Amino acid sequence: MDARVDNRAVVDAWSSQGGRSASLNRVLKRLFFTTSQLNISLHVGYIASSDNPADAPSRRLSFLDSKLHLDFWSVVESEFGGPSGHTCDLMALDSNVMCDRDGTPLPHFSPYPTPASCGVNLFAKDLSEKIVFLARSYLFPPLPLVGPVLRFLSSHKRD
């Protein structure tokens, strides 16, 4: 499998089997073991951002970045957040995660790993477990995901 990446640090670390960044090394180690387990030969090469067809779409804002207006959020917080407010945002990006009453971004699940997310892919989580920060969850899914989210929450007996 060939992968073209517009990040020289990633390309160099992959070809050198490691680099200076501990977090990058951890990710590359997981990638290496995954490709080995699946019997995939991964070849990583550099592509300039200007030549990368995936670069522009990944940088534009979309309706997936939408969130409640702060006036509406304060109503949702007071009506449904309980005495101490919501404890997590089940489906957000770092750019649109809601904040607690002190203005701190809530712990959140994002569709892919991000620096501020506490987990990836809501649909891969077992919400039936009693996890403290899931106690008073908030969720504002993109419109096409409303049905799948409701079925998922129902299957985990969450409301």
N, C-alpha and C. Protein backbone atom coordinates (compact mmCIF):
# COMPACT_ATOMS: atom_id res chain seq x y z
N MET A 1 0.85 -1.16 0.00
CA MET A 1 0.00 0.00 0.00
C MET A 1 0.90 1.23 0.00
N ASP A 2 0.59 2.16 -0.88
CA ASP A 2 1.33 3.42 -0.95
C ASP A 2 0.53 4.52 -0.29
N ALA A 3 1.18 5.31 0.55
CA ALA A 3 0.54 6.46 1.19
C ALA A 3 1.39 7.69 0.90
N ARG A 4 0.76 8.73 0.39
CA ARG A 4 1.44 9.99 0.14
C ARG A 4 1.04 10.96 1.25
N VAL A 5 2.01 11.50 1.95
CA VAL A 5 1.78 12.32 3.13
C VAL A 5 2.47 13.66 2.96
N ASP A 6 1.78 14.75 3.34
CA ASP A 6 2.38 16.08 3.19
C ASP A 6 3.02 16.57 4.49
N ASN A 7 3.51 15.64 5.27
CA ASN A 7 4.18 15.97 6.52
C ASN A 7 5.53 15.25 6.54
N ARG A 8 6.59 16.02 6.36
CA ARG A 8 7.94 15.42 6.27
C ARG A 8 8.33 14.67 7.55
N ALA A 9 7.92 15.17 8.70
CA ALA A 9 8.28 14.50 9.95
C ALA A 9 7.72 13.08 9.98
N VAL A 10 6.50 12.90 9.50
CA VAL A 10 5.89 11.57 9.47
C VAL A 10 6.63 10.68 8.49
N VAL A 11 6.89 11.20 7.30
CA VAL A 11 7.58 10.41 6.27
C VAL A 11 8.97 10.01 6.77
N ASP A 12 9.72 10.96 7.32
CA ASP A 12 11.07 10.67 7.80
C ASP A 12 11.06 9.70 8.97
N ALA A 13 10.13 9.87 9.89
CA ALA A 13 10.05 8.97 11.05
C ALA A 13 9.69 7.55 10.61
N TRP A 14 8.78 7.42 9.64
CA TRP A 14 8.40 6.08 9.15
C TRP A 14 9.59 5.40 8.48
N SER A 15 10.31 6.14 7.63
CA SER A 15 11.44 5.53 6.92
C SER A 15 12.62 5.27 7.85
N SER A 16 12.75 6.06 8.92
CA SER A 16 13.86 5.86 9.87
C SER A 16 13.47 4.98 11.04
N GLN A 17 12.23 4.50 11.06
CA GLN A 17 11.69 3.68 12.15
C GLN A 17 11.69 4.42 13.48
N GLY A 18 11.40 5.70 13.43
CA GLY A 18 11.30 6.50 14.64
C GLY A 18 11.83 7.89 14.43
N GLY A 19 11.51 8.76 15.37
CA GLY A 19 11.96 10.14 15.29
C GLY A 19 12.08 10.74 16.67
N ARG A 20 12.06 12.06 16.75
CA ARG A 20 12.24 12.77 18.02
C ARG A 20 10.96 12.86 18.84
N SER A 21 9.82 12.80 18.19
CA SER A 21 8.54 12.98 18.88
C SER A 21 8.06 11.65 19.47
N ALA A 22 7.89 11.64 20.80
CA ALA A 22 7.42 10.42 21.47
C ALA A 22 6.00 10.07 21.03
N SER A 23 5.14 11.08 20.88
CA SER A 23 3.75 10.78 20.48
C SER A 23 3.70 10.27 19.05
N LEU A 24 4.50 10.83 18.15
CA LEU A 24 4.56 10.33 16.78
C LEU A 24 5.10 8.90 16.77
N ASN A 25 6.11 8.63 17.56
CA ASN A 25 6.66 7.27 17.64
C ASN A 25 5.62 6.27 18.12
N ARG A 26 4.79 6.66 19.09
CA ARG A 26 3.74 5.76 19.57
C ARG A 26 2.74 5.45 18.47
N VAL A 27 2.35 6.48 17.72
CA VAL A 27 1.39 6.28 16.63
C VAL A 27 2.01 5.40 15.54
N LEU A 28 3.24 5.67 15.17
CA LEU A 28 3.90 4.87 14.14
C LEU A 28 4.10 3.43 14.59
N LYS A 29 4.36 3.23 15.86
CA LYS A 29 4.51 1.87 16.39
C LYS A 29 3.19 1.11 16.26
N ARG A 30 2.09 1.75 16.62
CA ARG A 30 0.78 1.12 16.47
C ARG A 30 0.47 0.83 15.01
N LEU A 31 0.82 1.78 14.14
CA LEU A 31 0.61 1.58 12.71
C LEU A 31 1.45 0.41 12.20
N PHE A 32 2.69 0.34 12.65
CA PHE A 32 3.56 -0.76 12.23
C PHE A 32 2.98 -2.12 12.65
N PHE A 33 2.57 -2.23 13.91
CA PHE A 33 2.02 -3.51 14.37
C PHE A 33 0.70 -3.85 13.67
N THR A 34 -0.10 -2.84 13.38
CA THR A 34 -1.35 -3.08 12.65
C THR A 34 -1.07 -3.56 11.24
N THR A 35 -0.16 -2.90 10.54
CA THR A 35 0.15 -3.33 9.17
C THR A 35 0.79 -4.72 9.17
N SER A 36 1.61 -5.00 10.17
CA SER A 36 2.22 -6.33 10.26
C SER A 36 1.16 -7.40 10.50
N GLN A 37 0.26 -7.13 11.42
CA GLN A 37 -0.80 -8.08 11.75
C GLN A 37 -1.70 -8.35 10.55
N LEU A 38 -1.96 -7.32 9.75
CA LEU A 38 -2.83 -7.46 8.59
C LEU A 38 -2.06 -7.86 7.33
N ASN A 39 -0.75 -8.06 7.47
CA ASN A 39 0.11 -8.46 6.36
C ASN A 39 0.08 -7.42 5.23
N ILE A 40 0.21 -6.15 5.62
CA ILE A 40 0.21 -5.04 4.67
C ILE A 40 1.61 -4.46 4.61
N SER A 41 2.10 -4.26 3.41
CA SER A 41 3.38 -3.59 3.21
C SER A 41 3.08 -2.13 2.92
N LEU A 42 3.42 -1.26 3.87
CA LEU A 42 3.10 0.16 3.75
C LEU A 42 4.34 0.94 3.31
N HIS A 43 4.19 1.70 2.22
CA HIS A 43 5.26 2.54 1.70
C HIS A 43 4.78 3.98 1.80
N VAL A 44 5.48 4.79 2.60
CA VAL A 44 5.10 6.17 2.84
C VAL A 44 6.03 7.08 2.07
N GLY A 45 5.45 7.97 1.28
CA GLY A 45 6.23 8.93 0.50
C GLY A 45 5.70 10.34 0.72
N TYR A 46 6.54 11.31 0.42
CA TYR A 46 6.18 12.71 0.62
C TYR A 46 5.47 13.26 -0.60
N ILE A 47 4.46 14.11 -0.36
CA ILE A 47 3.80 14.88 -1.40
C ILE A 47 3.62 16.29 -0.85
N ALA A 48 3.96 17.29 -1.65
CA ALA A 48 3.80 18.68 -1.22
C ALA A 48 2.31 18.99 -1.04
N SER A 49 1.98 19.80 -0.07
CA SER A 49 0.58 20.17 0.17
C SER A 49 -0.09 20.71 -1.08
N SER A 50 0.66 21.48 -1.85
CA SER A 50 0.09 22.07 -3.07
C SER A 50 -0.26 21.01 -4.11
N ASP A 51 0.39 19.85 -4.05
CA ASP A 51 0.12 18.75 -4.99
C ASP A 51 -0.80 17.69 -4.41
N ASN A 52 -1.21 17.87 -3.16
CA ASN A 52 -2.02 16.87 -2.46
C ASN A 52 -3.50 17.16 -2.67
N PRO A 53 -4.21 16.32 -3.43
CA PRO A 53 -5.62 16.59 -3.68
C PRO A 53 -6.49 16.50 -2.42
N ALA A 54 -6.00 15.85 -1.38
CA ALA A 54 -6.77 15.73 -0.14
C ALA A 54 -6.57 16.92 0.79
N ASP A 55 -5.62 17.79 0.49
CA ASP A 55 -5.30 18.88 1.40
C ASP A 55 -6.41 19.92 1.49
N ALA A 56 -6.86 20.45 0.38
CA ALA A 56 -7.88 21.51 0.40
C ALA A 56 -9.18 21.07 1.06
N PRO A 57 -9.75 19.90 0.71
CA PRO A 57 -11.00 19.51 1.38
C PRO A 57 -10.85 19.31 2.88
N SER A 58 -9.66 18.91 3.32
CA SER A 58 -9.47 18.68 4.75
C SER A 58 -9.36 19.98 5.53
N ARG A 59 -9.16 21.09 4.86
CA ARG A 59 -8.99 22.37 5.54
C ARG A 59 -10.22 23.28 5.49
N ARG A 60 -11.23 22.93 4.74
CA ARG A 60 -12.38 23.81 4.66
C ARG A 60 -13.40 23.47 5.75
N LEU A 61 -14.09 24.48 6.19
CA LEU A 61 -15.13 24.29 7.18
C LEU A 61 -16.36 23.67 6.52
N SER A 62 -17.10 22.92 7.28
CA SER A 62 -18.31 22.33 6.75
C SER A 62 -19.41 22.43 7.80
N PHE A 63 -20.61 21.96 7.45
CA PHE A 63 -21.70 21.97 8.40
C PHE A 63 -21.43 21.01 9.56
N LEU A 64 -20.45 20.12 9.41
CA LEU A 64 -20.08 19.24 10.51
C LEU A 64 -19.46 20.05 11.65
N ASP A 65 -18.98 21.26 11.34
CA ASP A 65 -18.37 22.12 12.35
C ASP A 65 -19.40 22.95 13.11
N SER A 66 -20.68 22.76 12.82
CA SER A 66 -21.69 23.60 13.45
C SER A 66 -21.90 23.23 14.92
N LYS A 67 -22.45 24.18 15.65
CA LYS A 67 -22.77 23.94 17.06
C LYS A 67 -23.87 24.90 17.48
N LEU A 68 -24.44 24.65 18.64
CA LEU A 68 -25.49 25.52 19.16
C LEU A 68 -24.94 26.91 19.44
N HIS A 69 -25.76 27.90 19.22
CA HIS A 69 -25.42 29.26 19.61
C HIS A 69 -25.30 29.28 21.14
N LEU A 70 -24.42 30.10 21.66
CA LEU A 70 -24.18 30.12 23.11
C LEU A 70 -25.44 30.45 23.91
N ASP A 71 -26.33 31.26 23.36
CA ASP A 71 -27.59 31.57 24.06
C ASP A 71 -28.42 30.30 24.23
N PHE A 72 -28.49 29.48 23.17
CA PHE A 72 -29.24 28.23 23.26
C PHE A 72 -28.53 27.22 24.16
N TRP A 73 -27.19 27.22 24.10
CA TRP A 73 -26.43 26.32 24.95
C TRP A 73 -26.71 26.60 26.42
N SER A 74 -26.79 27.86 26.79
CA SER A 74 -27.06 28.18 28.20
C SER A 74 -28.43 27.67 28.63
N VAL A 75 -29.40 27.69 27.72
CA VAL A 75 -30.73 27.15 28.02
C VAL A 75 -30.64 25.63 28.19
N VAL A 76 -29.95 24.96 27.27
CA VAL A 76 -29.78 23.50 27.35
C VAL A 76 -29.06 23.12 28.65
N GLU A 77 -28.03 23.87 28.99
CA GLU A 77 -27.28 23.61 30.23
C GLU A 77 -28.18 23.74 31.45
N SER A 78 -28.95 24.82 31.51
CA SER A 78 -29.78 25.02 32.70
C SER A 78 -30.94 24.04 32.77
N GLU A 79 -31.52 23.66 31.63
CA GLU A 79 -32.67 22.76 31.62
C GLU A 79 -32.28 21.28 31.78
N PHE A 80 -31.17 20.87 31.18
CA PHE A 80 -30.84 19.45 31.12
C PHE A 80 -29.48 19.10 31.73
N GLY A 81 -28.71 20.10 32.11
CA GLY A 81 -27.36 19.83 32.61
C GLY A 81 -27.27 19.45 34.07
N GLY A 82 -28.39 19.51 34.77
CA GLY A 82 -28.35 19.18 36.18
C GLY A 82 -27.65 20.25 36.98
N PRO A 83 -27.45 19.98 38.28
CA PRO A 83 -26.86 21.00 39.15
C PRO A 83 -25.45 21.43 38.76
N SER A 84 -24.65 20.50 38.20
CA SER A 84 -23.27 20.86 37.87
C SER A 84 -23.01 20.95 36.37
N GLY A 85 -24.03 20.77 35.55
CA GLY A 85 -23.85 20.91 34.10
C GLY A 85 -23.46 19.62 33.41
N HIS A 86 -23.37 19.68 32.10
CA HIS A 86 -23.01 18.51 31.31
C HIS A 86 -21.57 18.12 31.59
N THR A 87 -21.30 16.82 31.47
CA THR A 87 -19.97 16.30 31.79
C THR A 87 -19.15 15.93 30.57
N CYS A 88 -19.79 15.75 29.40
CA CYS A 88 -19.04 15.45 28.19
C CYS A 88 -19.89 15.73 26.96
N ASP A 89 -19.22 15.88 25.83
CA ASP A 89 -19.86 16.07 24.54
C ASP A 89 -19.57 14.80 23.74
N LEU A 90 -20.61 14.03 23.44
CA LEU A 90 -20.41 12.72 22.83
C LEU A 90 -19.99 12.77 21.37
N MET A 91 -20.20 13.90 20.70
CA MET A 91 -19.88 13.95 19.27
C MET A 91 -19.49 15.38 18.92
N ALA A 92 -18.18 15.66 18.88
CA ALA A 92 -17.73 17.03 18.61
C ALA A 92 -16.36 17.00 17.95
N LEU A 93 -15.99 18.13 17.42
CA LEU A 93 -14.64 18.38 16.95
C LEU A 93 -13.99 19.31 17.97
N ASP A 94 -12.67 19.40 17.97
CA ASP A 94 -12.02 20.35 18.87
C ASP A 94 -12.53 21.77 18.60
N SER A 95 -12.93 22.04 17.36
CA SER A 95 -13.37 23.38 16.98
C SER A 95 -14.80 23.71 17.38
N ASN A 96 -15.62 22.69 17.71
CA ASN A 96 -17.02 23.00 18.04
C ASN A 96 -17.51 22.35 19.33
N VAL A 97 -16.59 21.88 20.15
CA VAL A 97 -16.99 21.27 21.41
C VAL A 97 -17.61 22.33 22.33
N MET A 98 -18.63 21.94 23.05
CA MET A 98 -19.27 22.87 23.97
C MET A 98 -18.42 22.99 25.25
N CYS A 99 -18.62 24.06 25.98
CA CYS A 99 -17.84 24.31 27.19
C CYS A 99 -18.71 24.17 28.43
N ASP A 100 -18.05 23.83 29.54
CA ASP A 100 -18.79 23.73 30.80
C ASP A 100 -19.08 25.13 31.33
N ARG A 101 -19.66 25.20 32.49
CA ARG A 101 -20.09 26.50 33.04
C ARG A 101 -18.93 27.41 33.38
N ASP A 102 -17.73 26.84 33.49
CA ASP A 102 -16.54 27.65 33.75
C ASP A 102 -15.83 28.07 32.46
N GLY A 103 -16.36 27.63 31.31
CA GLY A 103 -15.75 27.98 30.03
C GLY A 103 -14.71 26.99 29.54
N THR A 104 -14.56 25.87 30.22
CA THR A 104 -13.59 24.85 29.82
C THR A 104 -14.25 23.88 28.84
N PRO A 105 -13.59 23.57 27.72
CA PRO A 105 -14.18 22.62 26.78
C PRO A 105 -14.47 21.28 27.47
N LEU A 106 -15.64 20.73 27.18
CA LEU A 106 -16.02 19.44 27.75
C LEU A 106 -15.15 18.32 27.17
N PRO A 107 -14.90 17.26 27.94
CA PRO A 107 -14.28 16.09 27.33
C PRO A 107 -15.19 15.65 26.18
N HIS A 108 -14.61 15.22 25.07
CA HIS A 108 -15.45 14.90 23.92
C HIS A 108 -14.87 13.77 23.07
N PHE A 109 -15.77 13.13 22.33
CA PHE A 109 -15.40 12.11 21.35
C PHE A 109 -15.44 12.77 19.98
N SER A 110 -14.42 12.54 19.18
CA SER A 110 -14.36 13.10 17.83
C SER A 110 -14.33 11.95 16.82
N PRO A 111 -14.56 12.25 15.54
CA PRO A 111 -14.58 11.17 14.55
C PRO A 111 -13.20 10.60 14.26
N TYR A 112 -12.15 11.31 14.64
CA TYR A 112 -10.77 10.87 14.42
C TYR A 112 -9.93 11.45 15.56
N PRO A 113 -8.75 10.88 15.81
CA PRO A 113 -7.94 11.38 16.94
C PRO A 113 -7.56 12.85 16.76
N THR A 114 -7.77 13.61 17.81
CA THR A 114 -7.38 15.02 17.81
C THR A 114 -6.69 15.32 19.13
N PRO A 115 -5.93 16.41 19.19
CA PRO A 115 -5.19 16.70 20.42
C PRO A 115 -6.06 16.83 21.66
N ALA A 116 -7.28 17.35 21.53
CA ALA A 116 -8.09 17.61 22.72
C ALA A 116 -9.16 16.56 22.99
N SER A 117 -9.39 15.64 22.07
CA SER A 117 -10.46 14.66 22.29
C SER A 117 -10.03 13.60 23.29
N CYS A 118 -11.02 13.05 24.00
CA CYS A 118 -10.72 12.01 24.98
C CYS A 118 -10.99 10.63 24.40
N GLY A 119 -11.51 10.58 23.19
CA GLY A 119 -11.79 9.32 22.54
C GLY A 119 -12.24 9.53 21.11
N VAL A 120 -12.33 8.44 20.40
CA VAL A 120 -12.66 8.48 18.99
C VAL A 120 -13.87 7.60 18.72
N ASN A 121 -14.76 8.08 17.88
CA ASN A 121 -15.88 7.30 17.36
C ASN A 121 -16.86 6.86 18.44
N LEU A 122 -17.84 7.66 18.67
CA LEU A 122 -18.89 7.36 19.64
C LEU A 122 -19.46 5.96 19.42
N PHE A 123 -19.64 5.57 18.16
CA PHE A 123 -20.28 4.29 17.84
C PHE A 123 -19.44 3.08 18.26
N ALA A 124 -18.18 3.29 18.59
CA ALA A 124 -17.32 2.18 19.03
C ALA A 124 -17.26 2.08 20.56
N LYS A 125 -17.99 2.94 21.26
CA LYS A 125 -17.95 2.96 22.73
C LYS A 125 -19.05 2.10 23.34
N ASP A 126 -18.76 1.54 24.50
CA ASP A 126 -19.78 0.82 25.27
C ASP A 126 -20.32 1.79 26.31
N LEU A 127 -21.44 2.40 26.00
CA LEU A 127 -22.00 3.43 26.88
C LEU A 127 -22.78 2.85 28.05
N SER A 128 -22.93 1.53 28.09
CA SER A 128 -23.66 0.93 29.20
C SER A 128 -22.79 0.86 30.46
N GLU A 129 -21.47 1.02 30.29
CA GLU A 129 -20.57 1.04 31.45
C GLU A 129 -20.81 2.31 32.26
N LYS A 130 -20.61 2.23 33.55
CA LYS A 130 -20.78 3.39 34.43
C LYS A 130 -19.47 4.17 34.49
N ILE A 131 -19.27 5.06 33.53
CA ILE A 131 -18.08 5.89 33.46
C ILE A 131 -18.47 7.28 33.93
N VAL A 132 -17.74 7.81 34.90
CA VAL A 132 -18.12 9.05 35.58
C VAL A 132 -18.35 10.20 34.61
N PHE A 133 -17.43 10.45 33.66
CA PHE A 133 -17.59 11.63 32.82
C PHE A 133 -18.72 11.48 31.79
N LEU A 134 -19.31 10.28 31.68
CA LEU A 134 -20.46 10.09 30.79
C LEU A 134 -21.79 10.32 31.52
N ALA A 135 -21.72 10.67 32.80
CA ALA A 135 -22.93 10.77 33.64
C ALA A 135 -23.98 11.72 33.06
N ARG A 136 -23.58 12.86 32.57
CA ARG A 136 -24.53 13.84 32.03
C ARG A 136 -24.00 14.29 30.67
N SER A 137 -24.21 13.43 29.67
CA SER A 137 -23.66 13.65 28.33
C SER A 137 -24.52 14.61 27.52
N TYR A 138 -23.87 15.30 26.62
CA TYR A 138 -24.52 16.18 25.65
C TYR A 138 -24.20 15.66 24.26
N LEU A 139 -25.13 15.86 23.32
CA LEU A 139 -24.92 15.35 21.97
C LEU A 139 -25.62 16.25 20.97
N PHE A 140 -24.90 16.68 19.94
CA PHE A 140 -25.45 17.49 18.85
C PHE A 140 -24.91 16.89 17.55
N PRO A 141 -25.52 15.79 17.08
CA PRO A 141 -24.97 15.11 15.90
C PRO A 141 -25.31 15.84 14.61
N PRO A 142 -24.50 15.61 13.57
CA PRO A 142 -24.88 16.11 12.25
C PRO A 142 -26.22 15.48 11.85
N LEU A 143 -27.04 16.20 11.13
CA LEU A 143 -28.39 15.76 10.79
C LEU A 143 -28.45 14.34 10.22
N PRO A 144 -27.56 13.94 9.30
CA PRO A 144 -27.66 12.58 8.75
C PRO A 144 -27.41 11.48 9.80
N LEU A 145 -26.83 11.83 10.94
CA LEU A 145 -26.52 10.82 11.95
C LEU A 145 -27.55 10.75 13.07
N VAL A 146 -28.60 11.56 13.03
CA VAL A 146 -29.58 11.57 14.11
C VAL A 146 -30.20 10.18 14.30
N GLY A 147 -30.67 9.55 13.24
CA GLY A 147 -31.28 8.22 13.33
C GLY A 147 -30.32 7.18 13.87
N PRO A 148 -29.11 7.04 13.26
CA PRO A 148 -28.16 6.07 13.79
C PRO A 148 -27.77 6.32 15.25
N VAL A 149 -27.66 7.60 15.64
CA VAL A 149 -27.32 7.93 17.02
C VAL A 149 -28.43 7.50 17.97
N LEU A 150 -29.69 7.78 17.60
CA LEU A 150 -30.81 7.38 18.45
C LEU A 150 -30.87 5.87 18.62
N ARG A 151 -30.65 5.13 17.54
CA ARG A 151 -30.64 3.65 17.64
C ARG A 151 -29.48 3.19 18.52
N PHE A 152 -28.33 3.81 18.35
CA PHE A 152 -27.15 3.43 19.14
C PHE A 152 -27.40 3.70 20.63
N LEU A 153 -27.90 4.89 20.96
CA LEU A 153 -28.17 5.21 22.36
C LEU A 153 -29.23 4.29 22.95
N SER A 154 -30.25 3.96 22.17
CA SER A 154 -31.30 3.07 22.63
C SER A 154 -30.73 1.67 22.92
N SER A 155 -29.81 1.21 22.09
CA SER A 155 -29.22 -0.12 22.30
C SER A 155 -28.37 -0.17 23.56
N HIS A 156 -27.91 0.99 24.03
CA HIS A 156 -27.09 1.06 25.25
C HIS A 156 -27.91 1.56 26.44
N LYS A 157 -29.23 1.65 26.23
CA LYS A 157 -30.14 2.08 27.28
C LYS A 157 -29.75 3.43 27.85
N ARG A 158 -29.38 4.36 26.94
CA ARG A 158 -29.06 5.75 27.34
C ARG A 158 -30.15 6.65 26.81
N ASP A 159 -30.44 7.72 27.52
CA ASP A 159 -31.41 8.69 27.03
C ASP A 159 -30.87 10.08 27.10
